Amino acid sequence: MTDATDAPGASAPLVRDLSETALLARVFPLLPAGSATLLGPGDDAAVVAAPDGRFVVTTDVLVEDRHFRRRWSTGYDVGARAAVQNLADVAAMGAVPTSLVVSLVVPGDLPVDWVTGLARGLADACAPVGAAVVGGDLSGGDAVVVAVTAHGDLSGRDPVLRSGARPGDVVAHAGVLGRSAAGLALLQGGVGGGAAEGAGPEGAGGPGGAAERCVAGYLRPRAPLAAGPAAADAGATAMLDVSDGLLRDAGRVAAASGVVVDLEAGALAAAAADVAPAARLLGLGDDAALAWVLSGGEDHGLLATFPAGTELPAGFRRLGRVRESAADGPRATVDGAVPSLRPGWDHFER
């Protein structure tokens, strides 16, 4: 979708060159309209169907130079990432995402193409589950801020909480581990670069291919959204989106459930091997790869627990077992021991 101002050789317009109405007129046609949308953008509020009588709601924010850097991330990257981190939270409750509301703060010197790219990233991330972007807010500011609120439909299911894990349950994970952290390390180390708009992170072999896969995993993580409702239907006792690191988020399940979540080193080996080529490109050893898997975060896979003997849904792999709480309280362990590394991301931890 281009017009004369976007044509090759023309001066690319900036946000300050357009009115709010003109900017929104470029964005709205790019936003997806899902089947649950009864009234989309254009009025004071949207109307979204909630046939279950309940709806799941979550919110998250991306702040420039805190969560992303424009020299690494296109608008498409940030839009896709902003959508995925919220869609994954909905899926982790066992729900199907239905709609997003997006608030955007942009500086006047931001290219309009960056904003329309963000809209395309949102749309492509929502497409697999048919979710809509039904509205939001737009403001000027000194840096880009993207705030997303997502809603989901439980479709008659009970929500899957963090507090339901019980001793004897199997711990399983759907998605990837360590790629986002490896991708960030590569970008910080000047190795690798962004992938093309809409490109996927899969299918590249060798060290160079591993670098591209990991950088794409950081810029545009892909969450196994269908695995959330599937896990709920299979009887998952607890579940959450792994956004802040496997150890930290496993510890959250442990704390909420009053148990020990014991991960098995052997079960983590494949994930570590997946990102090991990226570690080698940076002159790091296998310990770095395992650290990315355990504490990296932002891959937005789903960590769940299931009763022993449950046939795991497609996409889930066993990572360990839930055990009785230890004498020193609920916690996450690897082969029974607490690893001596930072467990994951905390916005205010130093």
Protein backbone atom coordinates (compact mmCIF):
# COMPACT_ATOMS: atom_id res chain seq x y z
CA MET A 1 0.00 0.00 0.00
CA THR A 2 1.79 3.10 -1.20
CA ASP A 3 0.84 6.51 -2.45
CA ALA A 4 2.75 9.19 -4.27
CA THR A 5 4.58 10.33 -1.14
CA ASP A 6 5.84 6.79 -0.57
CA ALA A 7 6.99 6.18 -4.13
CA PRO A 8 10.68 5.57 -4.89
CA GLY A 9 12.58 8.84 -5.09
CA ALA A 10 9.98 10.77 -3.10
CA SER A 11 10.83 12.22 0.28
CA ALA A 12 9.61 9.76 2.90
CA PRO A 13 7.06 11.51 5.14
CA LEU A 14 7.63 11.82 8.87
CA VAL A 15 4.98 11.63 11.56
CA ARG A 16 5.14 15.43 12.01
CA ASP A 17 4.25 15.89 8.32
CA LEU A 18 0.81 14.35 8.86
CA SER A 19 -2.14 15.18 11.06
CA GLU A 20 -3.34 12.57 13.56
CA THR A 21 -6.31 11.88 11.31
CA ALA A 22 -4.09 11.41 8.26
CA LEU A 23 -1.73 9.08 10.12
CA LEU A 24 -4.60 6.96 11.41
CA ALA A 25 -6.05 6.84 7.90
CA ARG A 26 -2.87 5.06 6.84
CA VAL A 27 -2.87 2.69 9.80
CA PHE A 28 -6.50 1.58 10.05
CA PRO A 29 -6.65 -0.25 6.67
CA LEU A 30 -3.68 -2.38 7.76
CA LEU A 31 -5.21 -3.61 11.02
CA PRO A 32 -6.83 -7.07 11.14
CA ALA A 33 -10.55 -7.48 11.86
CA GLY A 34 -11.28 -10.73 13.70
CA SER A 35 -14.48 -12.73 13.78
CA ALA A 36 -15.24 -11.62 17.36
CA THR A 37 -15.23 -7.93 16.41
CA LEU A 38 -18.72 -6.44 16.42
CA LEU A 39 -17.53 -2.83 16.11
CA GLY A 40 -13.95 -1.93 15.24
CA PRO A 41 -11.97 1.32 15.19
CA GLY A 42 -13.73 4.62 14.52
CA ASP A 43 -15.97 5.18 17.54
CA ASP A 44 -15.19 6.02 21.17
CA ALA A 45 -14.83 2.33 21.97
CA ALA A 46 -14.89 -1.01 20.22
CA VAL A 47 -17.40 -3.80 20.79
CA VAL A 48 -16.12 -7.38 20.93
CA ALA A 49 -18.21 -10.53 21.38
CA ALA A 50 -17.69 -12.54 24.57
CA PRO A 51 -19.84 -15.64 24.01
CA ASP A 52 -18.35 -17.42 27.02
CA GLY A 53 -19.64 -14.68 29.33
CA ARG A 54 -16.09 -14.13 30.57
CA PHE A 55 -13.01 -12.73 28.88
CA VAL A 56 -9.32 -12.93 29.57
CA VAL A 57 -7.46 -9.61 29.60
CA THR A 58 -3.76 -8.78 29.81
CA THR A 59 -1.53 -5.81 29.03
CA ASP A 60 2.13 -5.17 28.30
CA VAL A 61 4.31 -2.32 27.10
CA LEU A 62 7.41 -1.86 24.94
CA VAL A 63 9.54 1.23 25.56
CA GLU A 64 12.19 2.39 23.11
CA ASP A 65 15.76 1.86 24.38
CA ARG A 66 14.39 -0.24 27.24
CA HIS A 67 12.81 -3.11 25.31
CA PHE A 68 13.98 -2.41 21.77
CA ARG A 69 16.31 -0.17 19.80
CA ARG A 70 15.33 1.36 16.50
CA ARG A 71 18.75 0.79 15.01
CA TRP A 72 18.06 -2.94 15.32
CA SER A 73 14.27 -3.14 15.09
CA THR A 74 11.97 -2.09 12.27
CA GLY A 75 8.43 -0.98 12.96
CA TYR A 76 7.32 -4.38 11.69
CA ASP A 77 9.56 -6.09 14.25
CA VAL A 78 8.19 -4.04 17.14
CA GLY A 79 4.58 -4.52 16.07
CA ALA A 80 4.98 -8.29 15.79
CA ARG A 81 6.80 -8.48 19.10
CA ALA A 82 4.26 -6.29 20.91
CA ALA A 83 1.43 -8.49 19.68
CA VAL A 84 3.13 -11.81 20.43
CA GLN A 85 4.04 -11.04 24.03
CA ASN A 86 0.38 -10.26 24.76
CA LEU A 87 -1.13 -13.05 22.67
CA ALA A 88 1.12 -15.52 24.50
CA ASP A 89 -0.21 -14.36 27.87
CA VAL A 90 -3.76 -14.99 26.69
CA ALA A 91 -2.83 -18.44 25.36
CA ALA A 92 -1.10 -19.27 28.65
CA MET A 93 -4.48 -19.00 30.38
CA GLY A 94 -5.88 -21.59 27.99
CA ALA A 95 -7.79 -18.98 25.98
CA VAL A 96 -7.99 -18.04 22.31
CA PRO A 97 -6.93 -14.42 21.64
CA THR A 98 -9.72 -12.33 20.12
CA SER A 99 -8.74 -8.66 20.14
CA LEU A 100 -5.99 -6.14 20.87
CA VAL A 101 -6.15 -2.47 21.79
CA VAL A 102 -2.93 -0.60 21.00
CA SER A 103 -1.73 2.72 22.39
CA LEU A 104 1.18 4.29 20.55
CA VAL A 105 3.48 7.17 21.47
CA VAL A 106 5.64 8.42 18.59
CA PRO A 107 8.14 11.29 18.13
CA GLY A 108 7.57 13.70 15.27
CA ASP A 109 10.75 12.70 13.45
CA LEU A 110 9.66 9.04 13.16
CA PRO A 111 9.11 7.98 9.53
CA VAL A 112 5.49 7.23 8.72
CA ASP A 113 6.65 3.98 7.12
CA TRP A 114 7.85 2.86 10.57
CA VAL A 115 4.33 3.31 11.93
CA THR A 116 2.66 1.51 9.04
CA GLY A 117 5.27 -1.24 9.39
CA LEU A 118 4.25 -1.60 13.02
CA ALA A 119 0.64 -2.03 11.94
CA ARG A 120 1.67 -4.75 9.48
CA GLY A 121 3.66 -6.51 12.20
CA LEU A 122 0.65 -6.45 14.50
CA ALA A 123 -1.55 -7.82 11.73
CA ASP A 124 0.78 -10.67 10.79
CA ALA A 125 1.22 -11.74 14.42
CA CYS A 126 -2.54 -11.75 14.94
CA ALA A 127 -3.34 -13.62 11.72
CA PRO A 128 -2.68 -17.19 12.93
CA VAL A 129 -5.35 -16.92 15.63
CA GLY A 130 -7.70 -14.52 13.85
CA ALA A 131 -7.37 -11.81 16.48
CA ALA A 132 -8.28 -8.21 15.66
CA VAL A 133 -6.79 -4.83 16.50
CA VAL A 134 -9.96 -2.97 17.47
CA GLY A 135 -8.65 0.44 18.52
CA GLY A 136 -6.33 2.27 20.86
CA ASP A 137 -4.76 5.69 21.26
CA LEU A 138 -2.12 7.83 19.55
CA SER A 139 0.10 10.46 21.13
CA GLY A 140 3.26 12.39 20.45
CA GLY A 141 6.29 11.98 22.69
CA ASP A 142 10.07 11.89 22.87
CA ALA A 143 10.42 8.13 22.30
CA VAL A 144 8.38 5.28 20.85
CA VAL A 145 6.15 3.50 23.37
CA VAL A 146 3.81 0.68 22.36
CA ALA A 147 1.24 -0.45 24.92
CA VAL A 148 -1.02 -3.37 24.07
CA THR A 149 -4.04 -4.76 25.88
CA ALA A 150 -5.19 -8.16 24.66
CA HIS A 151 -8.42 -10.04 25.24
CA GLY A 152 -9.23 -13.73 24.89
CA ASP A 153 -12.11 -16.19 24.90
CA LEU A 154 -12.00 -19.21 27.22
CA SER A 155 -14.68 -20.99 25.14
CA GLY A 156 -16.07 -22.70 28.22
CA ARG A 157 -12.71 -23.78 29.65
CA ASP A 158 -11.56 -23.07 33.15
CA PRO A 159 -8.57 -20.71 33.07
CA VAL A 160 -5.24 -22.46 33.66
CA LEU A 161 -3.51 -20.75 36.58
CA ARG A 162 0.05 -20.80 37.86
CA SER A 163 -1.12 -22.26 41.15
CA GLY A 164 -2.36 -25.69 40.11
CA ALA A 165 0.87 -27.72 39.82
CA ARG A 166 0.99 -30.78 42.10
CA PRO A 167 3.78 -33.17 43.10
CA GLY A 168 4.15 -35.89 40.47
CA ASP A 169 3.03 -33.67 37.59
CA VAL A 170 5.13 -33.64 34.45
CA VAL A 171 6.72 -30.31 33.48
CA ALA A 172 6.59 -29.59 29.74
CA HIS A 173 7.32 -26.73 27.38
CA ALA A 174 6.08 -25.68 23.94
CA GLY A 175 8.10 -23.32 21.77
CA VAL A 176 11.80 -22.44 21.74
CA LEU A 177 14.22 -21.59 24.53
CA GLY A 178 17.24 -19.31 24.45
CA ARG A 179 16.93 -17.93 20.94
CA SER A 180 15.82 -14.44 21.92
CA ALA A 181 18.63 -14.05 24.47
CA ALA A 182 21.14 -15.39 21.95
CA GLY A 183 19.84 -12.97 19.33
CA LEU A 184 20.19 -10.02 21.69
CA ALA A 185 23.74 -11.07 22.53
CA LEU A 186 24.58 -11.29 18.83
CA LEU A 187 23.19 -7.83 18.14
CA GLN A 188 25.05 -6.38 21.11
CA GLY A 189 28.20 -8.09 19.85
CA GLY A 190 27.79 -6.72 16.33
CA VAL A 191 27.14 -10.15 14.84
CA GLY A 192 24.12 -10.79 12.65
CA GLY A 193 21.42 -8.41 11.54
CA GLY A 194 17.70 -8.08 11.05
CA ALA A 195 15.68 -10.38 8.83
CA ALA A 196 13.37 -9.26 6.06
CA GLU A 197 9.84 -8.15 6.90
CA GLY A 198 7.62 -11.16 7.36
CA ALA A 199 10.47 -13.66 7.23
CA GLY A 200 10.46 -16.57 9.65
CA PRO A 201 13.31 -17.66 11.94
CA GLU A 202 13.25 -21.31 10.95
CA GLY A 203 15.13 -23.39 8.45
CA ALA A 204 18.65 -21.94 8.38
CA GLY A 205 21.58 -24.20 9.16
CA GLY A 206 25.23 -23.56 10.05
CA PRO A 207 26.64 -20.82 12.27
CA GLY A 208 25.44 -18.02 10.00
CA GLY A 209 22.00 -19.57 9.77
CA ALA A 210 21.93 -20.02 13.55
CA ALA A 211 22.77 -16.35 13.97
CA GLU A 212 19.96 -15.30 11.64
CA ARG A 213 17.54 -17.64 13.40
CA CYS A 214 18.43 -16.27 16.83
CA VAL A 215 18.38 -12.62 15.79
CA ALA A 216 14.95 -13.17 14.22
CA GLY A 217 13.90 -14.90 17.45
CA TYR A 218 14.80 -11.76 19.39
CA LEU A 219 13.33 -9.24 16.97
CA ARG A 220 10.14 -11.19 16.21
CA PRO A 221 9.56 -14.12 18.58
CA ARG A 222 6.89 -16.61 17.60
CA ALA A 223 4.66 -18.01 20.31
CA PRO A 224 2.93 -21.42 20.05
CA LEU A 225 -0.48 -19.84 20.55
CA ALA A 226 -2.57 -22.88 19.65
CA ALA A 227 -0.71 -24.90 22.29
CA GLY A 228 -2.33 -22.94 25.13
CA PRO A 229 -5.94 -24.01 24.56
CA ALA A 230 -4.68 -27.49 23.60
CA ALA A 231 -2.88 -27.77 26.94
CA ALA A 232 -6.00 -26.67 28.79
CA ASP A 233 -8.06 -29.27 26.94
CA ALA A 234 -5.46 -31.93 27.83
CA GLY A 235 -5.82 -31.16 31.54
CA ALA A 236 -2.85 -28.86 32.22
CA THR A 237 -2.71 -28.09 35.93
CA ALA A 238 -0.61 -24.92 35.64
CA MET A 239 0.74 -22.82 32.79
CA LEU A 240 2.46 -19.53 32.00
CA ASP A 241 4.20 -17.65 29.20
CA VAL A 242 7.99 -17.87 29.53
CA SER A 243 8.80 -14.19 29.13
CA ASP A 244 11.34 -13.50 31.89
CA GLY A 245 13.46 -16.66 31.74
CA LEU A 246 12.75 -20.34 32.21
CA LEU A 247 14.15 -20.48 35.75
CA ARG A 248 12.38 -17.34 36.92
CA ASP A 249 9.05 -18.35 35.42
CA ALA A 250 9.33 -21.95 36.63
CA GLY A 251 9.99 -20.42 40.04
CA ARG A 252 6.76 -18.47 39.74
CA VAL A 253 4.82 -21.68 39.16
CA ALA A 254 6.65 -23.24 42.11
CA ALA A 255 5.84 -20.30 44.40
CA ALA A 256 2.19 -20.09 43.35
CA SER A 257 1.69 -23.87 43.70
CA GLY A 258 3.84 -24.45 46.81
CA VAL A 259 6.04 -27.02 45.07
CA VAL A 260 9.47 -27.56 43.56
CA VAL A 261 9.64 -27.45 39.77
CA ASP A 262 12.63 -29.64 38.96
CA LEU A 263 13.98 -29.33 35.43
CA GLU A 264 16.18 -32.04 33.97
CA ALA A 265 19.50 -31.01 32.42
CA GLY A 266 19.26 -33.77 29.82
CA ALA A 267 15.90 -32.42 28.64
CA LEU A 268 17.43 -28.95 28.15
CA ALA A 269 20.29 -30.23 26.00
CA ALA A 270 18.49 -29.90 22.68
CA ALA A 271 17.58 -26.28 23.35
CA ALA A 272 21.17 -25.51 24.36
CA ALA A 273 22.47 -27.20 21.20
CA ASP A 274 20.10 -25.06 19.12
CA VAL A 275 21.75 -21.82 20.31
CA ALA A 276 25.30 -23.15 20.80
CA PRO A 277 26.43 -22.02 17.30
CA ALA A 278 25.50 -18.45 18.27
CA ALA A 279 27.61 -18.77 21.41
CA ARG A 280 30.57 -19.96 19.36
CA LEU A 281 30.22 -17.01 16.97
CA LEU A 282 30.69 -14.76 20.00
CA GLY A 283 33.65 -16.76 21.28
CA LEU A 284 31.60 -18.18 24.16
CA GLY A 285 31.30 -21.74 25.39
CA ASP A 286 28.45 -24.13 25.94
CA ASP A 287 27.83 -22.62 29.39
CA ALA A 288 26.63 -19.44 27.69
CA ALA A 289 24.18 -21.41 25.55
CA LEU A 290 22.73 -23.15 28.61
CA ALA A 291 22.50 -19.82 30.44
CA TRP A 292 20.47 -18.37 27.56
CA VAL A 293 18.11 -21.34 27.75
CA LEU A 294 17.67 -21.10 31.52
CA SER A 295 17.55 -17.35 32.07
CA GLY A 296 17.21 -15.64 28.70
CA GLY A 297 13.47 -15.04 28.41
CA GLU A 298 11.38 -13.34 25.71
CA ASP A 299 10.95 -16.47 23.59
CA HIS A 300 7.30 -16.57 24.69
CA GLY A 301 6.97 -20.33 24.79
CA LEU A 302 4.53 -21.96 27.19
CA LEU A 303 5.60 -23.79 30.34
CA ALA A 304 2.94 -26.14 31.66
CA THR A 305 2.44 -28.97 34.12
CA PHE A 306 0.31 -32.04 33.44
CA PRO A 307 -0.81 -34.98 35.57
CA ALA A 308 1.50 -37.98 35.26
CA GLY A 309 0.50 -40.22 32.38
CA THR A 310 -1.08 -37.42 30.33
CA GLU A 311 -0.37 -37.60 26.62
CA LEU A 312 1.31 -34.27 25.99
CA PRO A 313 -0.36 -32.10 23.33
CA ALA A 314 1.45 -31.53 20.05
CA GLY A 315 4.41 -29.20 20.44
CA PHE A 316 5.06 -29.87 24.11
CA ARG A 317 8.26 -31.57 25.27
CA ARG A 318 8.92 -32.92 28.71
CA LEU A 319 11.40 -30.84 30.74
CA GLY A 320 11.11 -32.29 34.24
CA ARG A 321 8.80 -33.10 37.12
CA VAL A 322 7.00 -31.36 39.96
CA ARG A 323 8.18 -32.43 43.43
CA GLU A 324 7.15 -31.78 47.01
CA SER A 325 8.23 -28.42 48.36
CA ALA A 326 11.73 -28.44 49.82
CA ALA A 327 12.59 -27.51 53.40
CA ASP A 328 13.65 -24.04 52.25
CA GLY A 329 10.43 -23.50 50.32
CA PRO A 330 9.08 -23.62 46.77
CA ARG A 331 11.66 -23.09 44.07
CA ALA A 332 12.89 -24.05 40.61
CA THR A 333 15.82 -26.44 40.35
CA VAL A 334 17.83 -28.29 37.72
CA ASP A 335 18.52 -31.92 38.62
CA GLY A 336 17.62 -31.07 42.21
CA ALA A 337 20.00 -28.11 42.60
CA VAL A 338 19.52 -24.35 42.29
CA PRO A 339 21.77 -23.15 39.42
CA SER A 340 24.30 -20.47 40.31
CA LEU A 341 23.18 -17.96 37.68
CA ARG A 342 20.76 -15.10 37.45
CA PRO A 343 17.34 -16.73 37.01
CA GLY A 344 15.97 -14.25 34.49
CA TRP A 345 14.81 -10.74 33.76
CA ASP A 346 13.56 -8.28 36.39
CA HIS A 347 12.89 -4.65 35.41
CA PHE A 348 14.09 -3.29 38.75
CA GLU A 349 16.74 -5.78 39.77
CA ARG A 350 20.34 -4.56 39.68
